[in-house]
Amino acid sequence: MLLDAASLYFRAYFGVPESVKAPDGTPVNAVRGLLDFIDRLIKDHRPDHLVACMDADWRPRWRVELIPSYKAHRVAEEHPGGPDEEQVPDTLSPQVPVIEAVLDAIGIARVGVAEYEADDVIGTYTARAAGPVDIVTGDRDLYQLVDDARGVRVLYPLKGVGTLQTTDESLLRAKYGVDGSGYADLALLRGDPSDGLPGVPGIGEKTAARLLDRFGDLAGILAAVADPASGLTPSQRKRLDEARSYLAVAPKVVRVATDVPLPDVDTALPHTPRDAVALDALASRWGLGGSLQRLLATLAE
């Protein structure tokens, strides 16, 4: 099981009231909410291995160099940490180091790699996996990893993590008209305002799906642009031809990396805390209460 950690702790932050606080009054709603999420996921899905995948770099320079608008709108207007600090709620940022410390003390693998996003860490673990993989994320970009033959699914939270949409190839075909391998091409053709991807003007989701169904993939579509007998409408041909410079770089930006240099960490779920003394101190300092105790009891089982 691969967790898109930021996606989940954002959901925890907005789903658990800020009245959940440490003894000193500091909000810990994201910390406790994430622990409750992980507890529920382990109870419901019984993974043998689990990795909390982190954004060591939420907007990698190599992606921005290819498409400068990539996530540009998410950059904070006032950024004491630098020009590429992501805009996050003021009371969430201080909770992230606490989340990291608690996961480390429990012994749940936590992996982030410099110059890569959590999506890339997830993509690389998925590519290396010998058995089935469940990816837990609220980010549809990761639908591109869905692969029925390899048992790779995306569990997309609809309400907390108790109600998850199990995303497999049949769902993708029914909802988007593509399978997992075609989802990245669909996304780059239609664009994605949330990631600052312009897409091809005039090519929406339904048109993109029809083009992919007809010509197979992006390379097939571009070959059709050069073939007068391909059956593209004049407007489609013109728009795709004018977007060639974007389409030349978009695949590298949109497709998750599968060759990230992952550290050598133990991904097996722990049965007992890795550092019980540190965990006790964290539990006391931050008032983690029943959220931590329930997770530890589940792990012990």
C-alpha atoms as a PDB file:
ATOM      1  CA  MET A   1       0.000   0.000   0.000  1.00  0.00           C
ATOM      2  CA  LEU A   2       1.407   3.348  -1.122  1.00  0.00           C
ATOM      3  CA  LEU A   3       0.051   6.480   0.538  1.00  0.00           C
ATOM      4  CA  ASP A   4       0.125   9.868  -1.151  1.00  0.00           C
ATOM      5  CA  ALA A   5       0.859  11.393   2.240  1.00  0.00           C
ATOM      6  CA  ALA A   6       0.257  15.068   1.437  1.00  0.00           C
ATOM      7  CA  SER A   7      -3.043  14.274  -0.263  1.00  0.00           C
ATOM      8  CA  LEU A   8      -4.175  12.443   2.860  1.00  0.00           C
ATOM      9  CA  TYR A   9      -2.982  14.906   5.481  1.00  0.00           C
ATOM     10  CA  PHE A  10      -4.599  17.769   3.547  1.00  0.00           C
ATOM     11  CA  ARG A  11      -7.853  15.812   3.649  1.00  0.00           C
ATOM     12  CA  ALA A  12      -7.361  15.093   7.328  1.00  0.00           C
ATOM     13  CA  TYR A  13      -6.719  18.784   8.020  1.00  0.00           C
ATOM     14  CA  PHE A  14      -9.920  19.886   6.318  1.00  0.00           C
ATOM     15  CA  GLY A  15     -11.953  16.928   7.597  1.00  0.00           C
ATOM     16  CA  VAL A  16     -11.061  17.135  11.307  1.00  0.00           C
ATOM     17  CA  PRO A  17     -11.914  20.349  13.204  1.00  0.00           C
ATOM     18  CA  GLU A  18      -9.105  22.607  14.406  1.00  0.00           C
ATOM     19  CA  SER A  19     -10.542  22.260  17.893  1.00  0.00           C
ATOM     20  CA  VAL A  20      -8.486  19.019  18.047  1.00  0.00           C
ATOM     21  CA  LYS A  21      -5.413  20.465  19.764  1.00  0.00           C
ATOM     22  CA  ALA A  22      -2.277  19.580  21.675  1.00  0.00           C
ATOM     23  CA  PRO A  23      -2.119  20.411  25.398  1.00  0.00           C
ATOM     24  CA  ASP A  24      -0.546  23.789  24.567  1.00  0.00           C
ATOM     25  CA  GLY A  25      -3.409  24.692  22.230  1.00  0.00           C
ATOM     26  CA  THR A  26      -1.616  23.964  18.945  1.00  0.00           C
ATOM     27  CA  PRO A  27      -3.930  22.358  16.362  1.00  0.00           C
ATOM     28  CA  VAL A  28      -3.081  18.714  15.638  1.00  0.00           C
ATOM     29  CA  ASN A  29      -6.134  17.886  13.552  1.00  0.00           C
ATOM     30  CA  ALA A  30      -4.037  16.827  10.526  1.00  0.00           C
ATOM     31  CA  VAL A  31      -1.758  14.651  12.667  1.00  0.00           C
ATOM     32  CA  ARG A  32      -4.542  12.828  14.448  1.00  0.00           C
ATOM     33  CA  GLY A  33      -6.688  12.642  11.325  1.00  0.00           C
ATOM     34  CA  LEU A  34      -3.883  11.032   9.350  1.00  0.00           C
ATOM     35  CA  LEU A  35      -3.248   8.476  12.102  1.00  0.00           C
ATOM     36  CA  ASP A  36      -6.959   7.607  12.052  1.00  0.00           C
ATOM     37  CA  PHE A  37      -6.821   7.296   8.238  1.00  0.00           C
ATOM     38  CA  ILE A  38      -3.849   4.925   8.391  1.00  0.00           C
ATOM     39  CA  ASP A  39      -5.517   2.861  11.116  1.00  0.00           C
ATOM     40  CA  ARG A  40      -8.673   2.487   8.999  1.00  0.00           C
ATOM     41  CA  LEU A  41      -6.725   1.624   5.852  1.00  0.00           C
ATOM     42  CA  ILE A  42      -4.752  -1.099   7.627  1.00  0.00           C
ATOM     43  CA  LYS A  43      -7.891  -2.555   9.230  1.00  0.00           C
ATOM     44  CA  ASP A  44      -9.845  -2.576   5.980  1.00  0.00           C
ATOM     45  CA  HIS A  45      -7.136  -3.671   3.535  1.00  0.00           C
ATOM     46  CA  ARG A  46      -4.534  -5.597   5.598  1.00  0.00           C
ATOM     47  CA  PRO A  47      -1.419  -4.601   3.628  1.00  0.00           C
ATOM     48  CA  ASP A  48       1.851  -6.393   4.371  1.00  0.00           C
ATOM     49  CA  HIS A  49       3.913  -3.375   3.348  1.00  0.00           C
ATOM     50  CA  LEU A  50       3.061   0.312   3.568  1.00  0.00           C
ATOM     51  CA  VAL A  51       4.950   3.439   2.507  1.00  0.00           C
ATOM     52  CA  ALA A  52       3.996   7.037   3.241  1.00  0.00           C
ATOM     53  CA  CYS A  53       5.275   8.751   0.077  1.00  0.00           C
ATOM     54  CA  MET A  54       6.297  12.376   0.563  1.00  0.00           C
ATOM     55  CA  ASP A  55       6.802  15.430  -1.631  1.00  0.00           C
ATOM     56  CA  ALA A  56      10.500  16.188  -1.200  1.00  0.00           C
ATOM     57  CA  ASP A  57      10.000  18.638  -4.066  1.00  0.00           C
ATOM     58  CA  TRP A  58       6.381  19.504  -4.883  1.00  0.00           C
ATOM     59  CA  ARG A  59       7.354  21.463  -8.045  1.00  0.00           C
ATOM     60  CA  PRO A  60      10.565  19.955  -9.450  1.00  0.00           C
ATOM     61  CA  ARG A  61      12.716  22.322 -11.475  1.00  0.00           C
ATOM     62  CA  TRP A  62      13.051  19.832 -14.339  1.00  0.00           C
ATOM     63  CA  ARG A  63       9.268  19.864 -14.805  1.00  0.00           C
ATOM     64  CA  VAL A  64       9.064  23.658 -14.586  1.00  0.00           C
ATOM     65  CA  GLU A  65      11.842  24.043 -17.170  1.00  0.00           C
ATOM     66  CA  LEU A  66       9.722  22.036 -19.611  1.00  0.00           C
ATOM     67  CA  ILE A  67       6.390  23.744 -18.799  1.00  0.00           C
ATOM     68  CA  PRO A  68       6.899  27.002 -16.814  1.00  0.00           C
ATOM     69  CA  SER A  69       3.217  27.197 -15.871  1.00  0.00           C
ATOM     70  CA  TYR A  70       3.431  23.848 -14.036  1.00  0.00           C
ATOM     71  CA  LYS A  71       1.804  24.445 -10.619  1.00  0.00           C
ATOM     72  CA  ALA A  72       2.756  28.132 -10.919  1.00  0.00           C
ATOM     73  CA  HIS A  73      -0.584  29.287  -9.525  1.00  0.00           C
ATOM     74  CA  ARG A  74       0.033  27.339  -6.316  1.00  0.00           C
ATOM     75  CA  VAL A  75       3.167  29.296  -5.435  1.00  0.00           C
ATOM     76  CA  ALA A  76       2.544  31.545  -2.448  1.00  0.00           C
ATOM     77  CA  GLU A  77       2.498  35.267  -3.172  1.00  0.00           C
ATOM     78  CA  GLU A  78       4.447  35.823  -0.019  1.00  0.00           C
ATOM     79  CA  HIS A  79       7.062  33.138   0.337  1.00  0.00           C
ATOM     80  CA  PRO A  80       9.538  33.453   3.198  1.00  0.00           C
ATOM     81  CA  GLY A  81      10.872  30.005   2.373  1.00  0.00           C
ATOM     82  CA  GLY A  82      11.714  30.851  -1.238  1.00  0.00           C
ATOM     83  CA  PRO A  83       9.978  31.470  -4.549  1.00  0.00           C
ATOM     84  CA  ASP A  84       8.641  27.941  -4.884  1.00  0.00           C
ATOM     85  CA  GLU A  85       7.075  27.459  -1.467  1.00  0.00           C
ATOM     86  CA  GLU A  86       3.627  25.938  -1.859  1.00  0.00           C
ATOM     87  CA  GLN A  87       0.736  27.876  -0.407  1.00  0.00           C
ATOM     88  CA  VAL A  88      -0.668  25.858   2.503  1.00  0.00           C
ATOM     89  CA  PRO A  89      -2.901  26.802   5.442  1.00  0.00           C
ATOM     90  CA  ASP A  90      -0.980  28.502   8.258  1.00  0.00           C
ATOM     91  CA  THR A  91      -1.989  25.924  10.858  1.00  0.00           C
ATOM     92  CA  LEU A  92      -1.167  22.928   8.648  1.00  0.00           C
ATOM     93  CA  SER A  93       2.507  23.642   7.916  1.00  0.00           C
ATOM     94  CA  PRO A  94       3.650  23.235  11.552  1.00  0.00           C
ATOM     95  CA  GLN A  95       1.911  19.846  11.727  1.00  0.00           C
ATOM     96  CA  VAL A  96       3.891  18.282   8.876  1.00  0.00           C
ATOM     97  CA  PRO A  97       7.145  17.836  10.875  1.00  0.00           C
ATOM     98  CA  VAL A  98       5.078  16.293  13.677  1.00  0.00           C
ATOM     99  CA  ILE A  99       3.527  13.838  11.221  1.00  0.00           C
ATOM    100  CA  GLU A 100       6.981  12.900   9.964  1.00  0.00           C
ATOM    101  CA  ALA A 101       8.382  12.414  13.471  1.00  0.00           C
ATOM    102  CA  VAL A 102       5.423  10.281  14.563  1.00  0.00           C
ATOM    103  CA  LEU A 103       5.584   8.026  11.491  1.00  0.00           C
ATOM    104  CA  ASP A 104       9.329   7.582  12.012  1.00  0.00           C
ATOM    105  CA  ALA A 105       8.925   6.689  15.691  1.00  0.00           C
ATOM    106  CA  ILE A 106       6.171   4.185  14.881  1.00  0.00           C
ATOM    107  CA  GLY A 107       8.345   2.640  12.175  1.00  0.00           C
ATOM    108  CA  ILE A 108       6.076   3.248   9.187  1.00  0.00           C
ATOM    109  CA  ALA A 109       8.258   3.743   6.119  1.00  0.00           C
ATOM    110  CA  ARG A 110       8.341   7.365   4.975  1.00  0.00           C
ATOM    111  CA  VAL A 111      10.049   8.105   1.678  1.00  0.00           C
ATOM    112  CA  GLY A 112      10.693  11.342  -0.182  1.00  0.00           C
ATOM    113  CA  VAL A 113      13.461  11.856  -2.731  1.00  0.00           C
ATOM    114  CA  ALA A 114      15.094  15.175  -3.615  1.00  0.00           C
ATOM    115  CA  GLU A 115      13.930  16.667  -6.949  1.00  0.00           C
ATOM    116  CA  TYR A 116      10.905  14.369  -7.122  1.00  0.00           C
ATOM    117  CA  GLU A 117       7.256  14.495  -6.120  1.00  0.00           C
ATOM    118  CA  ALA A 118       5.442  11.865  -4.091  1.00  0.00           C
ATOM    119  CA  ASP A 119       3.768  10.744  -7.346  1.00  0.00           C
ATOM    120  CA  ASP A 120       7.194   9.796  -8.704  1.00  0.00           C
ATOM    121  CA  VAL A 121       8.058   7.827  -5.571  1.00  0.00           C
ATOM    122  CA  ILE A 122       4.728   6.018  -5.911  1.00  0.00           C
ATOM    123  CA  GLY A 123       5.375   5.381  -9.607  1.00  0.00           C
ATOM    124  CA  THR A 124       8.776   3.870  -8.909  1.00  0.00           C
ATOM    125  CA  TYR A 125       7.590   1.623  -6.085  1.00  0.00           C
ATOM    126  CA  THR A 126       4.725   0.483  -8.317  1.00  0.00           C
ATOM    127  CA  ALA A 127       7.069  -0.303 -11.200  1.00  0.00           C
ATOM    128  CA  ARG A 128       9.284  -2.376  -8.894  1.00  0.00           C
ATOM    129  CA  ALA A 129       6.481  -4.218  -7.104  1.00  0.00           C
ATOM    130  CA  ALA A 130       6.334  -7.969  -7.518  1.00  0.00           C
ATOM    131  CA  GLY A 131       2.745  -8.245  -6.290  1.00  0.00           C
ATOM    132  CA  PRO A 132      -0.492  -6.256  -6.114  1.00  0.00           C
ATOM    133  CA  VAL A 133      -0.351  -2.572  -5.180  1.00  0.00           C
ATOM    134  CA  ASP A 134      -3.007  -0.312  -3.670  1.00  0.00           C
ATOM    135  CA  ILE A 135      -2.320   3.412  -4.143  1.00  0.00           C
ATOM    136  CA  VAL A 136      -4.285   5.657  -1.781  1.00  0.00           C
ATOM    137  CA  THR A 137      -4.597   9.177  -3.135  1.00  0.00           C
ATOM    138  CA  GLY A 138      -7.025  11.972  -3.870  1.00  0.00           C
ATOM    139  CA  ASP A 139      -4.965  12.858  -6.956  1.00  0.00           C
ATOM    140  CA  ARG A 140      -6.414  11.554 -10.222  1.00  0.00           C
ATOM    141  CA  ASP A 141      -3.012  11.947 -11.919  1.00  0.00           C
ATOM    142  CA  LEU A 142      -2.105   8.576 -10.458  1.00  0.00           C
ATOM    143  CA  TYR A 143      -4.857   6.846 -12.432  1.00  0.00           C
ATOM    144  CA  GLN A 144      -2.150   6.427 -15.082  1.00  0.00           C
ATOM    145  CA  LEU A 145      -0.631   3.665 -12.921  1.00  0.00           C
ATOM    146  CA  VAL A 146      -3.775   1.503 -12.844  1.00  0.00           C
ATOM    147  CA  ASP A 147      -2.984  -1.896 -14.337  1.00  0.00           C
ATOM    148  CA  ASP A 148      -5.380  -4.821 -13.884  1.00  0.00           C
ATOM    149  CA  ALA A 149      -2.837  -7.357 -15.138  1.00  0.00           C
ATOM    150  CA  ARG A 150      -0.417  -6.399 -12.356  1.00  0.00           C
ATOM    151  CA  GLY A 151      -3.061  -5.827  -9.701  1.00  0.00           C
ATOM    152  CA  VAL A 152      -2.417  -2.074  -9.406  1.00  0.00           C
ATOM    153  CA  ARG A 153      -5.447  -0.096  -8.184  1.00  0.00           C
ATOM    154  CA  VAL A 154      -6.023   3.444  -7.009  1.00  0.00           C
ATOM    155  CA  LEU A 155      -8.154   3.793  -3.888  1.00  0.00           C
ATOM    156  CA  TYR A 156      -9.629   7.273  -4.217  1.00  0.00           C
ATOM    157  CA  PRO A 157     -11.182   8.737  -1.044  1.00  0.00           C
ATOM    158  CA  LEU A 158     -14.777   9.862  -1.486  1.00  0.00           C
ATOM    159  CA  LYS A 159     -15.450  10.437   2.202  1.00  0.00           C
ATOM    160  CA  GLY A 160     -12.535  10.102   4.592  1.00  0.00           C
ATOM    161  CA  VAL A 161     -10.934   6.744   3.880  1.00  0.00           C
ATOM    162  CA  GLY A 162     -13.947   4.724   4.947  1.00  0.00           C
ATOM    163  CA  THR A 163     -15.543   5.220   1.549  1.00  0.00           C
ATOM    164  CA  LEU A 164     -13.019   4.642  -1.225  1.00  0.00           C
ATOM    165  CA  GLN A 165     -13.563   4.461  -4.971  1.00  0.00           C
ATOM    166  CA  THR A 166     -11.703   1.381  -6.159  1.00  0.00           C
ATOM    167  CA  THR A 167     -10.289   2.579  -9.460  1.00  0.00           C
ATOM    168  CA  ASP A 168      -9.462  -0.192 -11.913  1.00  0.00           C
ATOM    169  CA  GLU A 169      -9.366  -0.311 -15.705  1.00  0.00           C
ATOM    170  CA  SER A 170     -13.080  -0.983 -16.095  1.00  0.00           C
ATOM    171  CA  LEU A 171     -13.921   2.134 -14.102  1.00  0.00           C
ATOM    172  CA  LEU A 172     -11.460   4.230 -16.128  1.00  0.00           C
ATOM    173  CA  ARG A 173     -12.904   3.001 -19.414  1.00  0.00           C
ATOM    174  CA  ALA A 174     -16.449   3.679 -18.244  1.00  0.00           C
ATOM    175  CA  LYS A 175     -15.674   7.137 -16.861  1.00  0.00           C
ATOM    176  CA  TYR A 176     -12.949   8.427 -19.180  1.00  0.00           C
ATOM    177  CA  GLY A 177     -12.873   6.098 -22.177  1.00  0.00           C
ATOM    178  CA  VAL A 178      -9.242   5.075 -21.590  1.00  0.00           C
ATOM    179  CA  ASP A 179      -7.328   2.525 -19.558  1.00  0.00           C
ATOM    180  CA  GLY A 180      -4.513   3.303 -17.132  1.00  0.00           C
ATOM    181  CA  SER A 181      -1.808   3.519 -19.775  1.00  0.00           C
ATOM    182  CA  GLY A 182      -3.891   6.049 -21.741  1.00  0.00           C
ATOM    183  CA  TYR A 183      -4.828   8.301 -18.835  1.00  0.00           C
ATOM    184  CA  ALA A 184      -1.646  10.416 -18.937  1.00  0.00           C
ATOM    185  CA  ASP A 185      -2.161  11.125 -22.656  1.00  0.00           C
ATOM    186  CA  LEU A 186      -5.784  12.059 -21.946  1.00  0.00           C
ATOM    187  CA  ALA A 187      -4.672  14.420 -19.164  1.00  0.00           C
ATOM    188  CA  LEU A 188      -2.032  16.202 -21.209  1.00  0.00           C
ATOM    189  CA  LEU A 189      -4.356  16.635 -24.200  1.00  0.00           C
ATOM    190  CA  ARG A 190      -7.279  18.080 -22.219  1.00  0.00           C
ATOM    191  CA  GLY A 191      -5.037  19.999 -19.816  1.00  0.00           C
ATOM    192  CA  ASP A 192      -5.356  20.326 -16.064  1.00  0.00           C
ATOM    193  CA  PRO A 193      -5.843  23.802 -14.536  1.00  0.00           C
ATOM    194  CA  SER A 194      -5.072  22.459 -11.048  1.00  0.00           C
ATOM    195  CA  ASP A 195      -1.549  21.594 -12.228  1.00  0.00           C
ATOM    196  CA  GLY A 196      -1.099  24.519 -14.588  1.00  0.00           C
ATOM    197  CA  LEU A 197      -1.147  22.315 -17.694  1.00  0.00           C
ATOM    198  CA  PRO A 198      -2.598  24.226 -20.655  1.00  0.00           C
ATOM    199  CA  GLY A 199      -3.574  21.218 -22.755  1.00  0.00           C
ATOM    200  CA  VAL A 200      -4.456  21.586 -26.427  1.00  0.00           C
ATOM    201  CA  PRO A 201      -6.940  24.452 -26.954  1.00  0.00           C
ATOM    202  CA  GLY A 202     -10.246  23.108 -28.208  1.00  0.00           C
ATOM    203  CA  ILE A 203      -9.466  19.500 -27.249  1.00  0.00           C
ATOM    204  CA  GLY A 204     -11.572  18.629 -24.232  1.00  0.00           C
ATOM    205  CA  GLU A 205     -11.798  15.374 -22.336  1.00  0.00           C
ATOM    206  CA  LYS A 206     -14.358  13.691 -24.604  1.00  0.00           C
ATOM    207  CA  THR A 207     -12.545  14.679 -27.805  1.00  0.00           C
ATOM    208  CA  ALA A 208      -9.224  13.540 -26.342  1.00  0.00           C
ATOM    209  CA  ALA A 209     -10.757  10.169 -25.419  1.00  0.00           C
ATOM    210  CA  ARG A 210     -12.166   9.734 -28.932  1.00  0.00           C
ATOM    211  CA  LEU A 211      -8.803  10.569 -30.506  1.00  0.00           C
ATOM    212  CA  LEU A 212      -7.008   8.097 -28.252  1.00  0.00           C
ATOM    213  CA  ASP A 213      -9.581   5.414 -28.984  1.00  0.00           C
ATOM    214  CA  ARG A 214      -9.123   5.990 -32.717  1.00  0.00           C
ATOM    215  CA  PHE A 215      -5.346   6.435 -32.938  1.00  0.00           C
ATOM    216  CA  GLY A 216      -4.113   4.495 -29.895  1.00  0.00           C
ATOM    217  CA  ASP A 217      -1.855   6.966 -28.119  1.00  0.00           C
ATOM    218  CA  LEU A 218      -0.272  10.402 -28.415  1.00  0.00           C
ATOM    219  CA  ALA A 219       2.269   9.202 -30.964  1.00  0.00           C
ATOM    220  CA  GLY A 220      -0.566   7.806 -33.096  1.00  0.00           C
ATOM    221  CA  ILE A 221      -2.449  11.094 -32.879  1.00  0.00           C
ATOM    222  CA  LEU A 222       0.617  13.083 -33.965  1.00  0.00           C
ATOM    223  CA  ALA A 223       1.153  10.676 -36.846  1.00  0.00           C
ATOM    224  CA  ALA A 224      -2.463  11.298 -37.867  1.00  0.00           C
ATOM    225  CA  VAL A 225      -1.788  15.043 -37.939  1.00  0.00           C
ATOM    226  CA  ALA A 226       0.856  14.432 -40.596  1.00  0.00           C
ATOM    227  CA  ASP A 227      -1.391  12.065 -42.589  1.00  0.00           C
ATOM    228  CA  PRO A 228      -3.944  13.890 -44.782  1.00  0.00           C
ATOM    229  CA  ALA A 229      -5.997  10.697 -45.019  1.00  0.00           C
ATOM    230  CA  SER A 230      -6.257  10.140 -41.260  1.00  0.00           C
ATOM    231  CA  GLY A 231      -9.752  11.584 -40.927  1.00  0.00           C
ATOM    232  CA  LEU A 232      -8.964  14.355 -38.450  1.00  0.00           C
ATOM    233  CA  THR A 233     -11.173  17.392 -38.866  1.00  0.00           C
ATOM    234  CA  PRO A 234      -9.394  20.501 -40.184  1.00  0.00           C
ATOM    235  CA  SER A 235      -9.775  22.253 -36.815  1.00  0.00           C
ATOM    236  CA  GLN A 236      -8.402  19.262 -34.884  1.00  0.00           C
ATOM    237  CA  ARG A 237      -5.442  18.999 -37.243  1.00  0.00           C
ATOM    238  CA  LYS A 238      -4.722  22.725 -36.911  1.00  0.00           C
ATOM    239  CA  ARG A 239      -4.967  22.750 -33.113  1.00  0.00           C
ATOM    240  CA  LEU A 240      -2.807  19.679 -32.657  1.00  0.00           C
ATOM    241  CA  ASP A 241      -0.241  20.932 -35.132  1.00  0.00           C
ATOM    242  CA  GLU A 242      -0.018  24.296 -33.369  1.00  0.00           C
ATOM    243  CA  ALA A 243       0.440  22.507 -30.028  1.00  0.00           C
ATOM    244  CA  ARG A 244       3.405  20.378 -31.173  1.00  0.00           C
ATOM    245  CA  SER A 245       5.925  22.216 -28.983  1.00  0.00           C
ATOM    246  CA  TYR A 246       3.737  21.624 -25.913  1.00  0.00           C
ATOM    247  CA  LEU A 247       3.030  18.007 -26.851  1.00  0.00           C
ATOM    248  CA  ALA A 248       6.767  17.369 -27.249  1.00  0.00           C
ATOM    249  CA  VAL A 249       7.472  18.101 -23.575  1.00  0.00           C
ATOM    250  CA  ALA A 250       4.145  17.427 -21.839  1.00  0.00           C
ATOM    251  CA  PRO A 251       4.561  13.629 -21.593  1.00  0.00           C
ATOM    252  CA  LYS A 252       7.688  13.958 -19.431  1.00  0.00           C
ATOM    253  CA  VAL A 253       5.893  16.423 -17.163  1.00  0.00           C
ATOM    254  CA  VAL A 254       2.609  14.527 -16.867  1.00  0.00           C
ATOM    255  CA  ARG A 255       3.857  10.943 -16.667  1.00  0.00           C
ATOM    256  CA  VAL A 256       5.153   9.956 -13.264  1.00  0.00           C
ATOM    257  CA  ALA A 257       8.780   8.938 -13.059  1.00  0.00           C
ATOM    258  CA  THR A 258       9.454   5.247 -12.568  1.00  0.00           C
ATOM    259  CA  ASP A 259      13.220   5.428 -12.064  1.00  0.00           C
ATOM    260  CA  VAL A 260      13.532   7.441  -8.855  1.00  0.00           C
ATOM    261  CA  PRO A 261      16.611   6.447  -6.770  1.00  0.00           C
ATOM    262  CA  LEU A 262      14.686   5.100  -3.794  1.00  0.00           C
ATOM    263  CA  PRO A 263      16.473   4.717  -0.458  1.00  0.00           C
ATOM    264  CA  ASP A 264      16.864   1.278   1.041  1.00  0.00           C
ATOM    265  CA  VAL A 265      14.154   1.233   3.710  1.00  0.00           C
ATOM    266  CA  ASP A 266      12.139  -1.507   5.383  1.00  0.00           C
ATOM    267  CA  THR A 267       8.587  -1.153   4.075  1.00  0.00           C
ATOM    268  CA  ALA A 268       7.083  -3.969   6.170  1.00  0.00           C
ATOM    269  CA  LEU A 269       4.402  -2.856   8.602  1.00  0.00           C
ATOM    270  CA  PRO A 270       5.823  -2.805  12.143  1.00  0.00           C
ATOM    271  CA  HIS A 271       4.098  -4.698  14.933  1.00  0.00           C
ATOM    272  CA  THR A 272       5.725  -2.627  17.687  1.00  0.00           C
ATOM    273  CA  PRO A 273       7.044   0.957  17.619  1.00  0.00           C
ATOM    274  CA  ARG A 274      10.543   1.466  16.259  1.00  0.00           C
ATOM    275  CA  ASP A 275      11.315   4.020  18.988  1.00  0.00           C
ATOM    276  CA  ALA A 276       8.875   3.663  21.866  1.00  0.00           C
ATOM    277  CA  VAL A 277      10.583   6.319  24.010  1.00  0.00           C
ATOM    278  CA  ALA A 278      10.436   8.944  21.263  1.00  0.00           C
ATOM    279  CA  LEU A 279       6.847   7.975  20.460  1.00  0.00           C
ATOM    280  CA  ASP A 280       5.755   8.344  24.110  1.00  0.00           C
ATOM    281  CA  ALA A 281       7.303  11.800  24.191  1.00  0.00           C
ATOM    282  CA  LEU A 282       5.559  12.805  20.969  1.00  0.00           C
ATOM    283  CA  ALA A 283       2.236  11.428  22.189  1.00  0.00           C
ATOM    284  CA  SER A 284       2.508  13.462  25.383  1.00  0.00           C
ATOM    285  CA  ARG A 285       3.783  16.654  23.731  1.00  0.00           C
ATOM    286  CA  TRP A 286       1.138  16.683  21.000  1.00  0.00           C
ATOM    287  CA  GLY A 287      -1.767  14.982  22.755  1.00  0.00           C
ATOM    288  CA  LEU A 288      -2.149  12.186  20.203  1.00  0.00           C
ATOM    289  CA  GLY A 289      -4.446  10.210  22.505  1.00  0.00           C
ATOM    290  CA  GLY A 290      -6.779   7.600  21.077  1.00  0.00           C
ATOM    291  CA  SER A 291      -5.709   8.157  17.460  1.00  0.00           C
ATOM    292  CA  LEU A 292      -2.213   6.845  18.167  1.00  0.00           C
ATOM    293  CA  GLN A 293      -3.360   4.128  20.566  1.00  0.00           C
ATOM    294  CA  ARG A 294      -5.847   2.709  18.057  1.00  0.00           C
ATOM    295  CA  LEU A 295      -3.190   2.566  15.339  1.00  0.00           C
ATOM    296  CA  LEU A 296      -0.689   0.883  17.648  1.00  0.00           C
ATOM    297  CA  ALA A 297      -3.307  -1.689  18.677  1.00  0.00           C
ATOM    298  CA  THR A 298      -4.092  -2.418  15.023  1.00  0.00           C
ATOM    299  CA  LEU A 299      -0.394  -2.838  14.215  1.00  0.00           C
ATOM    300  CA  ALA A 300       0.045  -5.172  17.193  1.00  0.00           C
ATOM    301  CA  GLU A 301      -2.675  -7.445  15.826  1.00  0.00           C
END
